[in-house]
Protein backbone atom coordinates (compact mmCIF):
# COMPACT_ATOMS: atom_id res chain seq x y z
CA ASP A 1 114.55 -67.40 94.97
CA ALA A 2 113.97 -69.69 92.03
CA MET A 3 112.47 -73.02 92.79
CA ILE A 4 112.19 -76.05 90.58
CA GLU A 5 109.20 -78.24 91.06
CA LEU A 6 108.90 -81.72 89.69
CA ALA A 7 105.70 -83.69 89.46
CA ILE A 8 105.44 -87.25 88.28
CA SER A 9 102.15 -88.40 86.92
CA GLY A 10 101.13 -92.00 86.53
CA ASP A 11 103.26 -93.16 89.44
CA GLU A 12 100.71 -95.80 90.42
CA ALA A 13 100.87 -97.32 86.94
CA ALA A 14 104.68 -97.30 87.03
CA ALA A 15 104.69 -98.91 90.48
CA ALA A 16 102.26 -101.59 89.33
CA ARG A 17 104.44 -102.30 86.27
CA PHE A 18 107.53 -102.73 88.45
CA ASP A 19 105.61 -104.91 90.93
CA SER A 20 104.50 -107.28 88.16
CA MET A 21 107.97 -107.34 86.55
CA ALA A 22 109.45 -109.69 89.15
CA ALA A 23 106.66 -112.22 88.60
CA ARG A 24 107.06 -112.00 84.79
CA ILE A 25 110.84 -112.46 85.03
CA HIS A 26 110.39 -115.44 87.35
CA ARG A 27 107.83 -117.06 85.03
CA ARG A 28 109.98 -116.54 81.93
CA LEU A 29 113.11 -117.83 83.69
CA LEU A 30 111.25 -120.91 84.95
CA ASP A 31 110.14 -121.71 81.40
CA ALA A 32 113.63 -121.10 79.99
CA ILE A 33 115.39 -123.13 82.69
CA THR A 34 112.97 -126.03 82.24
CA ALA A 35 113.46 -126.01 78.45
CA ASN A 36 117.25 -125.75 78.77
CA ALA A 37 117.39 -128.61 81.26
CA ALA A 38 115.41 -130.85 78.89
CA ALA A 39 117.67 -129.86 75.97
CA LEU A 40 120.78 -130.59 78.05
CA GLN A 41 119.39 -134.00 79.02
CA ALA A 42 118.76 -134.80 75.35
CA HIS A 43 122.29 -133.66 74.45
CA VAL A 44 123.82 -135.92 77.12
CA VAL A 45 121.79 -138.95 76.04
CA GLN A 46 121.96 -138.48 72.26
CA ASP A 47 125.56 -137.27 71.99
CA ALA A 48 127.76 -137.78 75.06
CA LEU A 49 126.42 -141.26 75.91
CA SER A 50 126.05 -142.40 72.33
CA GLY A 51 129.74 -142.60 71.53
CA LYS A 52 131.08 -139.06 71.90
CA VAL A 53 132.33 -139.64 75.47
CA LEU A 54 131.11 -143.12 76.39
CA LYS A 55 129.78 -145.96 74.29
CA ALA A 56 126.50 -147.44 75.43
CA ARG A 57 126.65 -151.06 76.51
CA SER A 58 123.34 -151.82 78.18
CA GLY A 59 121.73 -148.38 77.91
CA ARG A 60 121.25 -148.22 81.69
CA LEU A 61 123.32 -145.04 82.08
CA LYS A 62 121.47 -143.32 79.22
CA ASP A 63 118.13 -144.35 80.68
CA SER A 64 119.11 -143.06 84.13
CA ILE A 65 119.85 -139.46 83.12
CA ALA A 66 117.23 -137.39 84.92
CA VAL A 67 116.49 -133.69 85.23
CA THR A 68 115.04 -131.88 88.22
CA VAL A 69 113.76 -128.31 88.26
CA ALA A 70 112.97 -126.80 91.66
CA ASP A 71 111.06 -123.55 91.98
CA THR A 72 111.07 -122.28 95.56
CA GLY A 73 109.40 -119.00 94.66
CA ASP A 74 112.59 -117.17 95.65
CA GLY A 75 114.79 -119.03 93.21
CA ILE A 76 114.89 -121.64 90.50
CA ALA A 77 117.43 -124.45 90.32
CA ALA A 78 117.88 -127.18 87.74
CA GLY A 79 119.94 -130.31 88.10
CA ILE A 80 120.89 -133.18 85.85
CA GLY A 81 122.30 -136.46 87.07
CA SER A 82 122.12 -140.21 87.24
CA ASP A 83 121.37 -142.78 89.89
CA ALA A 84 123.35 -145.48 88.06
CA PRO A 85 125.90 -146.81 90.57
CA TYR A 86 128.82 -146.31 88.17
CA ALA A 87 127.86 -142.85 86.87
CA ALA A 88 130.06 -140.92 89.32
CA ILE A 89 133.19 -142.95 88.66
CA GLN A 90 132.70 -142.50 84.91
CA GLU A 91 132.19 -138.73 85.34
CA PHE A 92 135.03 -138.08 87.80
CA GLY A 93 137.28 -141.13 87.51
CA GLY A 94 138.60 -143.09 90.46
CA GLN A 95 139.90 -146.37 91.77
CA THR A 96 137.80 -149.44 92.51
CA ALA A 97 138.82 -151.57 95.47
CA PRO A 98 140.07 -155.14 95.08
CA HIS A 99 137.08 -157.48 95.22
CA VAL A 100 135.92 -161.02 94.59
CA ILE A 101 133.93 -161.81 91.47
CA ALA A 102 131.88 -164.99 91.93
CA ALA A 103 129.67 -166.92 89.54
CA ARG A 104 126.01 -166.07 90.20
CA ASN A 105 123.97 -167.27 87.25
CA ALA A 106 126.18 -170.20 86.28
CA ALA A 107 128.35 -172.80 87.98
CA VAL A 108 131.59 -171.12 86.87
CA LEU A 109 132.99 -167.99 85.28
CA ALA A 110 134.61 -168.31 81.85
CA PHE A 111 137.13 -165.83 80.47
CA ARG A 112 140.19 -165.60 78.26
CA LEU A 113 143.59 -165.17 79.90
CA GLY A 114 146.91 -165.40 78.10
CA GLY A 115 145.32 -166.85 74.98
CA ARG A 116 143.51 -169.67 76.77
CA THR A 117 140.03 -170.08 78.21
CA VAL A 118 139.94 -170.24 82.01
CA PHE A 119 137.08 -171.51 84.17
CA ALA A 120 136.75 -170.56 87.84
CA ARG A 121 134.04 -170.40 90.50
CA ARG A 122 135.46 -167.09 91.71
CA VAL A 123 138.37 -164.76 91.02
CA GLN A 124 140.07 -162.03 93.02
CA HIS A 125 139.89 -158.82 90.98
CA PRO A 126 142.79 -156.47 91.84
CA GLY A 127 140.70 -153.30 91.40
CA SER A 128 140.71 -150.88 88.49
CA ARG A 129 141.80 -147.33 87.83
CA ILE A 130 138.99 -145.67 85.89
CA PRO A 131 139.92 -142.46 84.03
CA ALA A 132 137.50 -139.52 84.19
CA ARG A 133 135.11 -139.47 81.25
CA PRO A 134 133.02 -136.37 82.02
CA PHE A 135 129.79 -136.68 80.11
CA LEU A 136 127.67 -134.32 82.23
CA ARG A 137 130.22 -131.55 82.83
CA ALA A 138 131.37 -131.66 79.21
CA ALA A 139 127.80 -131.42 77.91
CA LEU A 140 127.10 -128.45 80.18
CA ALA A 141 130.29 -126.70 79.04
CA GLU A 142 129.31 -127.27 75.39
CA GLN A 143 125.85 -125.81 75.99
CA ALA A 144 126.80 -123.00 78.41
CA ASP A 145 126.79 -120.13 75.90
CA ARG A 146 123.45 -121.20 74.43
CA ILE A 147 121.93 -121.55 77.90
CA ARG A 148 123.27 -118.15 79.03
CA ASP A 149 121.89 -116.49 75.87
CA SER A 150 118.52 -118.15 76.42
CA LEU A 151 118.29 -116.89 80.01
CA ARG A 152 119.28 -113.36 78.97
CA ALA A 153 116.61 -113.44 76.26
CA ALA A 154 113.99 -114.62 78.79
CA VAL A 155 114.75 -111.72 81.13
CA GLY A 156 114.77 -109.29 78.22
CA ALA A 157 111.38 -110.50 77.05
CA ALA A 158 109.97 -110.21 80.57
CA ILE A 159 111.04 -106.58 81.02
CA ALA A 160 110.19 -105.40 77.50
CA PRO A 161 107.26 -102.99 77.37
């Protein structure tokens, strides 16, 4: 009978290399995700909210764009969003309810209606239909290929010899 024997040498070194690979991949991905999240935030503020999708009025929406990166050890998640009360309706669109607008910092409101100036202590606003103006989703879609390539490169660099 012929028998084939196989011996692997250096198995401890190979096992140690594979054990450390997960930590290297995690570290590289954390760095890449953090950098991509910051780049996406800059893209939203400098492009999407500077006239490409929405024009800045007060700058409050631009100033409110925040990034979070959470590393649980088992996974990494990044998020980008805004706590401005009108951010969601700008992103997704919607309908505002009818509401009263009352003078707060002056005795009366002043506005133009039908070519004449009108003064009133309060007015009943009928509500508004706000079209979707996706500034976050559009920015992510524009950057998706670059982000995907960056994450692939990070993994590749972590597993390279």
